[in-house]
Amino acid sequence: SEHQNIDHPVSLYAATKKANELMAHTYSHLFRIPTTG
């Protein structure tokens, strides 16, 4: 579920995808860009 914590990736690929979500959130917060992952 999207409500679950995702702090335990088991591959670098997964880590980059989580990083994308974090980066998107930052830009949505700072610049009000609507982003959907």
PDB file of all heavy atoms in Angstrom:
ATOM      1  N   SER A   1       0.833  -1.195   0.000  1.00  0.00           N
ATOM      2  CA  SER A   1       0.000   0.000   0.000  1.00  0.00           C
ATOM      3  C   SER A   1       0.866   1.243   0.000  1.00  0.00           C
ATOM      4  O   SER A   1       1.960   1.257   0.592  1.00  0.00           O
ATOM      5  CB  SER A   1      -0.895   0.004   1.254  1.00  0.00           C
ATOM      6  OG  SER A   1      -1.449   1.280   1.477  1.00  0.00           O
ATOM      7  N   GLU A   2       0.377   2.294  -0.629  1.00  0.00           N
ATOM      8  CA  GLU A   2       1.090   3.569  -0.644  1.00  0.00           C
ATOM      9  C   GLU A   2       1.256   4.153   0.757  1.00  0.00           C
ATOM     10  O   GLU A   2       2.088   5.039   0.972  1.00  0.00           O
ATOM     11  CB  GLU A   2       0.349   4.590  -1.518  1.00  0.00           C
ATOM     12  CG  GLU A   2       0.210   4.193  -2.979  1.00  0.00           C
ATOM     13  CD  GLU A   2      -1.066   3.438  -3.279  1.00  0.00           C
ATOM     14  OE1 GLU A   2      -1.683   2.880  -2.318  1.00  0.00           O
ATOM     15  OE2 GLU A   2      -1.463   3.391  -4.456  1.00  0.00           O
ATOM     16  N   HIS A   3       0.467   3.664   1.694  1.00  0.00           N
ATOM     17  CA  HIS A   3       0.552   4.160   3.072  1.00  0.00           C
ATOM     18  C   HIS A   3       1.706   3.518   3.843  1.00  0.00           C
ATOM     19  O   HIS A   3       2.007   3.948   4.962  1.00  0.00           O
ATOM     20  CB  HIS A   3      -0.773   3.908   3.803  1.00  0.00           C
ATOM     21  CG  HIS A   3      -1.941   4.591   3.160  1.00  0.00           C
ATOM     22  ND1 HIS A   3      -2.225   5.923   3.360  1.00  0.00           N
ATOM     23  CD2 HIS A   3      -2.876   4.128   2.289  1.00  0.00           C
ATOM     24  CE1 HIS A   3      -3.306   6.252   2.661  1.00  0.00           C
ATOM     25  NE2 HIS A   3      -3.714   5.183   1.999  1.00  0.00           N
ATOM     26  N   GLN A   4       2.340   2.491   3.267  1.00  0.00           N
ATOM     27  CA  GLN A   4       3.443   1.811   3.939  1.00  0.00           C
ATOM     28  C   GLN A   4       4.743   2.602   3.821  1.00  0.00           C
ATOM     29  O   GLN A   4       4.972   3.314   2.849  1.00  0.00           O
ATOM     30  CB  GLN A   4       3.656   0.413   3.339  1.00  0.00           C
ATOM     31  CG  GLN A   4       2.534  -0.563   3.605  1.00  0.00           C
ATOM     32  CD  GLN A   4       2.746  -1.882   2.862  1.00  0.00           C
ATOM     33  OE1 GLN A   4       3.723  -2.059   2.144  1.00  0.00           O
ATOM     34  NE2 GLN A   4       1.816  -2.808   3.037  1.00  0.00           N
ATOM     35  N   ASN A   5       5.597   2.414   4.809  1.00  0.00           N
ATOM     36  CA  ASN A   5       6.951   2.948   4.762  1.00  0.00           C
ATOM     37  C   ASN A   5       7.760   2.191   3.701  1.00  0.00           C
ATOM     38  O   ASN A   5       7.602   0.982   3.541  1.00  0.00           O
ATOM     39  CB  ASN A   5       7.583   2.762   6.147  1.00  0.00           C
ATOM     40  CG  ASN A   5       9.021   3.211   6.205  1.00  0.00           C
ATOM     41  OD1 ASN A   5       9.908   2.569   5.673  1.00  0.00           O
ATOM     42  ND2 ASN A   5       9.257   4.320   6.883  1.00  0.00           N
ATOM     43  N   ILE A   6       8.613   2.917   2.965  1.00  0.00           N
ATOM     44  CA  ILE A   6       9.430   2.256   1.929  1.00  0.00           C
ATOM     45  C   ILE A   6      10.912   2.574   2.132  1.00  0.00           C
ATOM     46  O   ILE A   6      11.634   2.864   1.178  1.00  0.00           O
ATOM     47  CB  ILE A   6       8.967   2.635   0.502  1.00  0.00           C
ATOM     48  CG1 ILE A   6       8.977   4.159   0.311  1.00  0.00           C
ATOM     49  CG2 ILE A   6       7.592   2.063   0.204  1.00  0.00           C
ATOM     50  CD1 ILE A   6       8.843   4.591  -1.149  1.00  0.00           C
ATOM     51  N   ASP A   7      11.355   2.463   3.362  1.00  0.00           N
ATOM     52  CA  ASP A   7      12.730   2.831   3.697  1.00  0.00           C
ATOM     53  C   ASP A   7      13.733   1.682   3.592  1.00  0.00           C
ATOM     54  O   ASP A   7      14.864   1.824   4.052  1.00  0.00           O
ATOM     55  CB  ASP A   7      12.788   3.390   5.127  1.00  0.00           C
ATOM     56  CG  ASP A   7      12.271   4.821   5.207  1.00  0.00           C
ATOM     57  OD1 ASP A   7      12.188   5.467   4.146  1.00  0.00           O
ATOM     58  OD2 ASP A   7      11.939   5.267   6.318  1.00  0.00           O
ATOM     59  N   HIS A   8      13.338   0.554   3.015  1.00  0.00           N
ATOM     60  CA  HIS A   8      14.244  -0.591   2.988  1.00  0.00           C
ATOM     61  C   HIS A   8      14.361  -1.198   1.588  1.00  0.00           C
ATOM     62  O   HIS A   8      14.012  -2.355   1.364  1.00  0.00           O
ATOM     63  CB  HIS A   8      13.783  -1.653   3.995  1.00  0.00           C
ATOM     64  CG  HIS A   8      13.733  -1.134   5.399  1.00  0.00           C
ATOM     65  ND1 HIS A   8      12.609  -0.517   5.924  1.00  0.00           N
ATOM     66  CD2 HIS A   8      14.676  -1.104   6.363  1.00  0.00           C
ATOM     67  CE1 HIS A   8      12.875  -0.139   7.172  1.00  0.00           C
ATOM     68  NE2 HIS A   8      14.114  -0.484   7.466  1.00  0.00           N
ATOM     69  N   PRO A   9      14.885  -0.427   0.621  1.00  0.00           N
ATOM     70  CA  PRO A   9      15.081  -0.976  -0.732  1.00  0.00           C
ATOM     71  C   PRO A   9      16.130  -2.085  -0.707  1.00  0.00           C
ATOM     72  O   PRO A   9      17.041  -2.075   0.133  1.00  0.00           O
ATOM     73  CB  PRO A   9      15.562   0.229  -1.535  1.00  0.00           C
ATOM     74  CG  PRO A   9      16.160   1.149  -0.521  1.00  0.00           C
ATOM     75  CD  PRO A   9      15.347   0.971   0.732  1.00  0.00           C
ATOM     76  N   VAL A  10      16.011  -3.036  -1.638  1.00  0.00           N
ATOM     77  CA  VAL A  10      16.962  -4.152  -1.687  1.00  0.00           C
ATOM     78  C   VAL A  10      17.743  -4.184  -3.004  1.00  0.00           C
ATOM     79  O   VAL A  10      18.424  -5.157  -3.297  1.00  0.00           O
ATOM     80  CB  VAL A  10      16.259  -5.512  -1.436  1.00  0.00           C
ATOM     81  CG1 VAL A  10      15.658  -5.544  -0.034  1.00  0.00           C
ATOM     82  CG2 VAL A  10      15.192  -5.790  -2.493  1.00  0.00           C
ATOM     83  N   SER A  11      17.640  -3.121  -3.793  1.00  0.00           N
ATOM     84  CA  SER A  11      18.448  -2.993  -5.005  1.00  0.00           C
ATOM     85  C   SER A  11      18.697  -1.511  -5.258  1.00  0.00           C
ATOM     86  O   SER A  11      17.928  -0.654  -4.806  1.00  0.00           O
ATOM     87  CB  SER A  11      17.744  -3.606  -6.222  1.00  0.00           C
ATOM     88  OG  SER A  11      16.621  -2.831  -6.611  1.00  0.00           O
ATOM     89  N   LEU A  12      19.776  -1.216  -5.977  1.00  0.00           N
ATOM     90  CA  LEU A  12      20.052   0.181  -6.324  1.00  0.00           C
ATOM     91  C   LEU A  12      18.948   0.734  -7.216  1.00  0.00           C
ATOM     92  O   LEU A  12      18.572   1.908  -7.105  1.00  0.00           O
ATOM     93  CB  LEU A  12      21.408   0.293  -7.020  1.00  0.00           C
ATOM     94  CG  LEU A  12      21.791   1.724  -7.441  1.00  0.00           C
ATOM     95  CD1 LEU A  12      21.938   2.621  -6.216  1.00  0.00           C
ATOM     96  CD2 LEU A  12      23.081   1.719  -8.255  1.00  0.00           C
ATOM     97  N   TYR A  13      18.434  -0.093  -8.126  1.00  0.00           N
ATOM     98  CA  TYR A  13      17.319   0.343  -8.974  1.00  0.00           C
ATOM     99  C   TYR A  13      16.170   0.849  -8.107  1.00  0.00           C
ATOM    100  O   TYR A  13      15.620   1.937  -8.333  1.00  0.00           O
ATOM    101  CB  TYR A  13      16.855  -0.814  -9.855  1.00  0.00           C
ATOM    102  CG  TYR A  13      15.576  -0.527 -10.602  1.00  0.00           C
ATOM    103  CD1 TYR A  13      15.539   0.409 -11.626  1.00  0.00           C
ATOM    104  CD2 TYR A  13      14.391  -1.202 -10.286  1.00  0.00           C
ATOM    105  CE1 TYR A  13      14.361   0.685 -12.315  1.00  0.00           C
ATOM    106  CE2 TYR A  13      13.218  -0.935 -10.967  1.00  0.00           C
ATOM    107  CZ  TYR A  13      13.200  -0.002 -11.976  1.00  0.00           C
ATOM    108  OH  TYR A  13      12.042   0.271 -12.654  1.00  0.00           O
ATOM    109  N   ALA A  14      15.799   0.067  -7.089  1.00  0.00           N
ATOM    110  CA  ALA A  14      14.705   0.468  -6.201  1.00  0.00           C
ATOM    111  C   ALA A  14      15.044   1.761  -5.478  1.00  0.00           C
ATOM    112  O   ALA A  14      14.191   2.639  -5.307  1.00  0.00           O
ATOM    113  CB  ALA A  14      14.418  -0.646  -5.197  1.00  0.00           C
ATOM    114  N   ALA A  15      16.295   1.891  -5.053  1.00  0.00           N
ATOM    115  CA  ALA A  15      16.705   3.103  -4.339  1.00  0.00           C
ATOM    116  C   ALA A  15      16.580   4.337  -5.220  1.00  0.00           C
ATOM    117  O   ALA A  15      16.169   5.409  -4.756  1.00  0.00           O
ATOM    118  CB  ALA A  15      18.136   2.943  -3.836  1.00  0.00           C
ATOM    119  N   THR A  16      16.919   4.204  -6.506  1.00  0.00           N
ATOM    120  CA  THR A  16      16.787   5.356  -7.400  1.00  0.00           C
ATOM    121  C   THR A  16      15.324   5.724  -7.615  1.00  0.00           C
ATOM    122  O   THR A  16      14.988   6.907  -7.774  1.00  0.00           O
ATOM    123  CB  THR A  16      17.459   5.124  -8.766  1.00  0.00           C
ATOM    124  OG1 THR A  16      16.804   4.056  -9.474  1.00  0.00           O
ATOM    125  CG2 THR A  16      18.945   4.799  -8.611  1.00  0.00           C
ATOM    126  N   LYS A  17      14.451   4.737  -7.634  1.00  0.00           N
ATOM    127  CA  LYS A  17      13.029   5.026  -7.823  1.00  0.00           C
ATOM    128  C   LYS A  17      12.433   5.695  -6.583  1.00  0.00           C
ATOM    129  O   LYS A  17      11.600   6.611  -6.680  1.00  0.00           O
ATOM    130  CB  LYS A  17      12.265   3.745  -8.166  1.00  0.00           C
ATOM    131  CG  LYS A  17      12.539   3.237  -9.577  1.00  0.00           C
ATOM    132  CD  LYS A  17      12.150   4.280 -10.614  1.00  0.00           C
ATOM    133  CE  LYS A  17      12.313   3.813 -12.033  1.00  0.00           C
ATOM    134  NZ  LYS A  17      11.886   4.830 -13.011  1.00  0.00           N
ATOM    135  N   LYS A  18      12.867   5.254  -5.400  1.00  0.00           N
ATOM    136  CA  LYS A  18      12.427   5.963  -4.193  1.00  0.00           C
ATOM    137  C   LYS A  18      12.972   7.385  -4.204  1.00  0.00           C
ATOM    138  O   LYS A  18      12.272   8.338  -3.830  1.00  0.00           O
ATOM    139  CB  LYS A  18      12.883   5.241  -2.926  1.00  0.00           C
ATOM    140  CG  LYS A  18      12.533   6.080  -1.700  1.00  0.00           C
ATOM    141  CD  LYS A  18      12.842   5.465  -0.375  1.00  0.00           C
ATOM    142  CE  LYS A  18      12.473   6.483   0.720  1.00  0.00           C
ATOM    143  NZ  LYS A  18      12.631   5.967   2.072  1.00  0.00           N
ATOM    144  N   ALA A  19      14.233   7.537  -4.618  1.00  0.00           N
ATOM    145  CA  ALA A  19      14.822   8.873  -4.702  1.00  0.00           C
ATOM    146  C   ALA A  19      14.014   9.773  -5.632  1.00  0.00           C
ATOM    147  O   ALA A  19      13.815  10.960  -5.352  1.00  0.00           O
ATOM    148  CB  ALA A  19      16.269   8.782  -5.174  1.00  0.00           C
ATOM    149  N   ASN A  20      13.528   9.218  -6.744  1.00  0.00           N
ATOM    150  CA  ASN A  20      12.691  10.000  -7.657  1.00  0.00           C
ATOM    151  C   ASN A  20      11.451  10.528  -6.948  1.00  0.00           C
ATOM    152  O   ASN A  20      11.054  11.691  -7.133  1.00  0.00           O
ATOM    153  CB  ASN A  20      12.262   9.152  -8.855  1.00  0.00           C
ATOM    154  CG  ASN A  20      13.365   8.874  -9.842  1.00  0.00           C
ATOM    155  OD1 ASN A  20      13.204   8.056 -10.743  1.00  0.00           O
ATOM    156  ND2 ASN A  20      14.510   9.519  -9.695  1.00  0.00           N
ATOM    157  N   GLU A  21      10.829   9.683  -6.140  1.00  0.00           N
ATOM    158  CA  GLU A  21       9.632  10.121  -5.417  1.00  0.00           C
ATOM    159  C   GLU A  21       9.969  11.248  -4.436  1.00  0.00           C
ATOM    160  O   GLU A  21       9.216  12.221  -4.301  1.00  0.00           O
ATOM    161  CB  GLU A  21       8.998   8.935  -4.690  1.00  0.00           C
ATOM    162  CG  GLU A  21       8.448   7.866  -5.638  1.00  0.00           C
ATOM    163  CD  GLU A  21       7.768   6.722  -4.904  1.00  0.00           C
ATOM    164  OE1 GLU A  21       7.644   6.803  -3.655  1.00  0.00           O
ATOM    165  OE2 GLU A  21       7.353   5.744  -5.556  1.00  0.00           O
ATOM    166  N   LEU A  22      11.104  11.134  -3.767  1.00  0.00           N
ATOM    167  CA  LEU A  22      11.525  12.178  -2.824  1.00  0.00           C
ATOM    168  C   LEU A  22      11.855  13.482  -3.546  1.00  0.00           C
ATOM    169  O   LEU A  22      11.492  14.576  -3.092  1.00  0.00           O
ATOM    170  CB  LEU A  22      12.740  11.699  -2.026  1.00  0.00           C
ATOM    171  CG  LEU A  22      12.523  10.504  -1.099  1.00  0.00           C
ATOM    172  CD1 LEU A  22      13.861  10.055  -0.517  1.00  0.00           C
ATOM    173  CD2 LEU A  22      11.545  10.837   0.007  1.00  0.00           C
ATOM    174  N   MET A  23      12.544  13.362  -4.677  1.00  0.00           N
ATOM    175  CA  MET A  23      12.892  14.548  -5.461  1.00  0.00           C
ATOM    176  C   MET A  23      11.626  15.234  -5.977  1.00  0.00           C
ATOM    177  O   MET A  23      11.506  16.469  -5.942  1.00  0.00           O
ATOM    178  CB  MET A  23      13.809  14.149  -6.616  1.00  0.00           C
ATOM    179  CG  MET A  23      15.170  13.636  -6.165  1.00  0.00           C
ATOM    180  SD  MET A  23      16.024  12.683  -7.449  1.00  0.00           S
ATOM    181  CE  MET A  23      16.505  13.982  -8.583  1.00  0.00           C
ATOM    182  N   ALA A  24      10.680  14.416  -6.458  1.00  0.00           N
ATOM    183  CA  ALA A  24       9.423  14.986  -6.956  1.00  0.00           C
ATOM    184  C   ALA A  24       8.686  15.723  -5.838  1.00  0.00           C
ATOM    185  O   ALA A  24       8.154  16.824  -6.046  1.00  0.00           O
ATOM    186  CB  ALA A  24       8.543  13.882  -7.540  1.00  0.00           C
ATOM    187  N   HIS A  25       8.660  15.129  -4.659  1.00  0.00           N
ATOM    188  CA  HIS A  25       7.964  15.784  -3.550  1.00  0.00           C
ATOM    189  C   HIS A  25       8.599  17.138  -3.229  1.00  0.00           C
ATOM    190  O   HIS A  25       7.908  18.129  -2.973  1.00  0.00           O
ATOM    191  CB  HIS A  25       7.972  14.906  -2.298  1.00  0.00           C
ATOM    192  CG  HIS A  25       7.167  15.497  -1.180  1.00  0.00           C
ATOM    193  ND1 HIS A  25       7.695  16.411  -0.289  1.00  0.00           N
ATOM    194  CD2 HIS A  25       5.854  15.346  -0.842  1.00  0.00           C
ATOM    195  CE1 HIS A  25       6.747  16.785   0.559  1.00  0.00           C
ATOM    196  NE2 HIS A  25       5.632  16.157   0.246  1.00  0.00           N
ATOM    197  N   THR A  26       9.923  17.182  -3.263  1.00  0.00           N
ATOM    198  CA  THR A  26      10.622  18.431  -2.974  1.00  0.00           C
ATOM    199  C   THR A  26      10.219  19.528  -3.954  1.00  0.00           C
ATOM    200  O   THR A  26       9.940  20.667  -3.564  1.00  0.00           O
ATOM    201  CB  THR A  26      12.143  18.218  -3.030  1.00  0.00           C
ATOM    202  OG1 THR A  26      12.505  17.191  -2.102  1.00  0.00           O
ATOM    203  CG2 THR A  26      12.892  19.489  -2.693  1.00  0.00           C
ATOM    204  N   TYR A  27      10.170  19.179  -5.246  1.00  0.00           N
ATOM    205  CA  TYR A  27       9.803  20.168  -6.262  1.00  0.00           C
ATOM    206  C   TYR A  27       8.316  20.536  -6.172  1.00  0.00           C
ATOM    207  O   TYR A  27       7.934  21.676  -6.433  1.00  0.00           O
ATOM    208  CB  TYR A  27      10.176  19.665  -7.658  1.00  0.00           C
ATOM    209  CG  TYR A  27      11.585  20.078  -8.046  1.00  0.00           C
ATOM    210  CD1 TYR A  27      12.683  19.634  -7.306  1.00  0.00           C
ATOM    211  CD2 TYR A  27      11.814  20.928  -9.113  1.00  0.00           C
ATOM    212  CE1 TYR A  27      13.967  20.023  -7.628  1.00  0.00           C
ATOM    213  CE2 TYR A  27      13.100  21.332  -9.454  1.00  0.00           C
ATOM    214  CZ  TYR A  27      14.176  20.871  -8.699  1.00  0.00           C
ATOM    215  OH  TYR A  27      15.449  21.274  -9.016  1.00  0.00           O
ATOM    216  N   SER A  28       7.481  19.572  -5.802  1.00  0.00           N
ATOM    217  CA  SER A  28       6.065  19.894  -5.594  1.00  0.00           C
ATOM    218  C   SER A  28       5.909  20.868  -4.435  1.00  0.00           C
ATOM    219  O   SER A  28       5.086  21.788  -4.485  1.00  0.00           O
ATOM    220  CB  SER A  28       5.271  18.612  -5.316  1.00  0.00           C
ATOM    221  OG  SER A  28       5.218  17.788  -6.459  1.00  0.00           O
ATOM    222  N   HIS A  29       6.707  20.656  -3.386  1.00  0.00           N
ATOM    223  CA  HIS A  29       6.630  21.525  -2.212  1.00  0.00           C
ATOM    224  C   HIS A  29       7.189  22.922  -2.496  1.00  0.00           C
ATOM    225  O   HIS A  29       6.548  23.927  -2.191  1.00  0.00           O
ATOM    226  CB  HIS A  29       7.392  20.882  -1.057  1.00  0.00           C
ATOM    227  CG  HIS A  29       7.549  21.775   0.127  1.00  0.00           C
ATOM    228  ND1 HIS A  29       6.512  22.041   1.001  1.00  0.00           N
ATOM    229  CD2 HIS A  29       8.618  22.489   0.573  1.00  0.00           C
ATOM    230  CE1 HIS A  29       6.931  22.879   1.935  1.00  0.00           C
ATOM    231  NE2 HIS A  29       8.202  23.169   1.697  1.00  0.00           N
ATOM    232  N   LEU A  30       8.380  22.965  -3.085  1.00  0.00           N
ATOM    233  CA  LEU A  30       9.053  24.246  -3.276  1.00  0.00           C
ATOM    234  C   LEU A  30       8.443  25.086  -4.384  1.00  0.00           C
ATOM    235  O   LEU A  30       8.316  26.308  -4.267  1.00  0.00           O
ATOM    236  CB  LEU A  30      10.539  24.015  -3.582  1.00  0.00           C
ATOM    237  CG  LEU A  30      11.402  23.483  -2.442  1.00  0.00           C
ATOM    238  CD1 LEU A  30      12.795  23.170  -2.956  1.00  0.00           C
ATOM    239  CD2 LEU A  30      11.464  24.492  -1.296  1.00  0.00           C
ATOM    240  N   PHE A  31       8.056  24.420  -5.480  1.00  0.00           N
ATOM    241  CA  PHE A  31       7.649  25.160  -6.679  1.00  0.00           C
ATOM    242  C   PHE A  31       6.198  24.892  -7.086  1.00  0.00           C
ATOM    243  O   PHE A  31       5.761  25.358  -8.139  1.00  0.00           O
ATOM    244  CB  PHE A  31       8.602  24.823  -7.835  1.00  0.00           C
ATOM    245  CG  PHE A  31      10.057  24.995  -7.462  1.00  0.00           C
ATOM    246  CD1 PHE A  31      10.905  23.903  -7.384  1.00  0.00           C
ATOM    247  CD2 PHE A  31      10.564  26.252  -7.158  1.00  0.00           C
ATOM    248  CE1 PHE A  31      12.244  24.057  -7.025  1.00  0.00           C
ATOM    249  CE2 PHE A  31      11.895  26.416  -6.801  1.00  0.00           C
ATOM    250  CZ  PHE A  31      12.738  25.318  -6.735  1.00  0.00           C
ATOM    251  N   ARG A  32       5.496  24.132  -6.246  1.00  0.00           N
ATOM    252  CA  ARG A  32       4.070  23.826  -6.469  1.00  0.00           C
ATOM    253  C   ARG A  32       3.824  23.163  -7.811  1.00  0.00           C
ATOM    254  O   ARG A  32       2.790  23.378  -8.452  1.00  0.00           O
ATOM    255  CB  ARG A  32       3.193  25.082  -6.316  1.00  0.00           C
ATOM    256  CG  ARG A  32       3.470  25.930  -5.084  1.00  0.00           C
ATOM    257  CD  ARG A  32       3.620  25.122  -3.810  1.00  0.00           C
ATOM    258  NE  ARG A  32       2.364  24.576  -3.303  1.00  0.00           N
ATOM    259  CZ  ARG A  32       2.289  23.800  -2.215  1.00  0.00           C
ATOM    260  NH1 ARG A  32       3.384  23.453  -1.558  1.00  0.00           N
ATOM    261  NH2 ARG A  32       1.124  23.345  -1.798  1.00  0.00           N
ATOM    262  N   ILE A  33       4.765  22.349  -8.253  1.00  0.00           N
ATOM    263  CA  ILE A  33       4.595  21.579  -9.488  1.00  0.00           C
ATOM    264  C   ILE A  33       3.784  20.326  -9.152  1.00  0.00           C
ATOM    265  O   ILE A  33       4.228  19.519  -8.334  1.00  0.00           O
ATOM    266  CB  ILE A  33       5.943  21.153 -10.087  1.00  0.00           C
ATOM    267  CG1 ILE A  33       6.830  22.364 -10.375  1.00  0.00           C
ATOM    268  CG2 ILE A  33       5.732  20.315 -11.345  1.00  0.00           C
ATOM    269  CD1 ILE A  33       8.274  21.991 -10.681  1.00  0.00           C
ATOM    270  N   PRO A  34       2.618  20.122  -9.746  1.00  0.00           N
ATOM    271  CA  PRO A  34       1.893  18.877  -9.509  1.00  0.00           C
ATOM    272  C   PRO A  34       2.680  17.682 -10.061  1.00  0.00           C
ATOM    273  O   PRO A  34       3.038  17.662 -11.250  1.00  0.00           O
ATOM    274  CB  PRO A  34       0.579  19.071 -10.272  1.00  0.00           C
ATOM    275  CG  PRO A  34       0.430  20.562 -10.401  1.00  0.00           C
ATOM    276  CD  PRO A  34       1.833  21.068 -10.571  1.00  0.00           C
ATOM    277  N   THR A  35       2.986  16.714  -9.211  1.00  0.00           N
ATOM    278  CA  THR A  35       3.720  15.519  -9.645  1.00  0.00           C
ATOM    279  C   THR A  35       2.987  14.272  -9.171  1.00  0.00           C
ATOM    280  O   THR A  35       2.461  14.238  -8.052  1.00  0.00           O
ATOM    281  CB  THR A  35       5.159  15.488  -9.096  1.00  0.00           C
ATOM    282  OG1 THR A  35       5.130  15.310  -7.669  1.00  0.00           O
ATOM    283  CG2 THR A  35       5.926  16.757  -9.441  1.00  0.00           C
ATOM    284  N   THR A  36       2.977  13.259 -10.016  1.00  0.00           N
ATOM    285  CA  THR A  36       2.366  11.980  -9.666  1.00  0.00           C
ATOM    286  C   THR A  36       3.306  10.850 -10.053  1.00  0.00           C
ATOM    287  O   THR A  36       3.680  10.721 -11.225  1.00  0.00           O
ATOM    288  CB  THR A  36       1.017  11.781 -10.372  1.00  0.00           C
ATOM    289  OG1 THR A  36       0.142  12.874 -10.066  1.00  0.00           O
ATOM    290  CG2 THR A  36       0.372  10.481  -9.929  1.00  0.00           C
ATOM    291  N   GLY A  37       3.670  10.044  -9.066  1.00  0.00           N
ATOM    292  CA  GLY A  37       4.510   8.871  -9.317  1.00  0.00           C
ATOM    293  C   GLY A  37       3.654   7.622  -9.403  1.00  0.00           C
ATOM    294  O   GLY A  37       2.721   7.440  -8.605  1.00  0.00           O
TER     295      GLY A  37
END
